[in-house]
Amino acid sequence: MNTPITSPIPAAPKSRAETTFRFLAEPTSVNFGGKVHGGALMKWIDETAYACAAMWSGRYAVTVSVGNIRFRRPILVGNLVELRARCGDGAHQHAHPYFRTRG
């Protein structure tokens, strides 16, 4: 029998589910050229998406798919990266985080 997983996180109002995380680009996150690995940035995006979706739903959340990531300019060691996710009210039980990254 499948039992839904609940969480003590109170659900945010659907119109205000927005999360901002900030990450410091440390030497452990960069390649030999001094630029942040794309995989490190994708990990940060996933962590921010989880927080936003969990607040939006008030429950545990998982990433099902990711699409349309384009790396426009490099993030250098020492840069402060700001990720802002906003969950749109897509389907009944699905959060669709939208991102804006500044670094």
Foldseek 3Di string as FASTA:
>chain_A
DDDFFADQQAADPLVPLKDKDKDAQAPVQDDPVQFGDPVVVVVVVQVRVQSSLCNNQNGGDHDDDDDDDDDDDTDGHGDMKMKMWHFHCDDDNDTDIDIDIDD
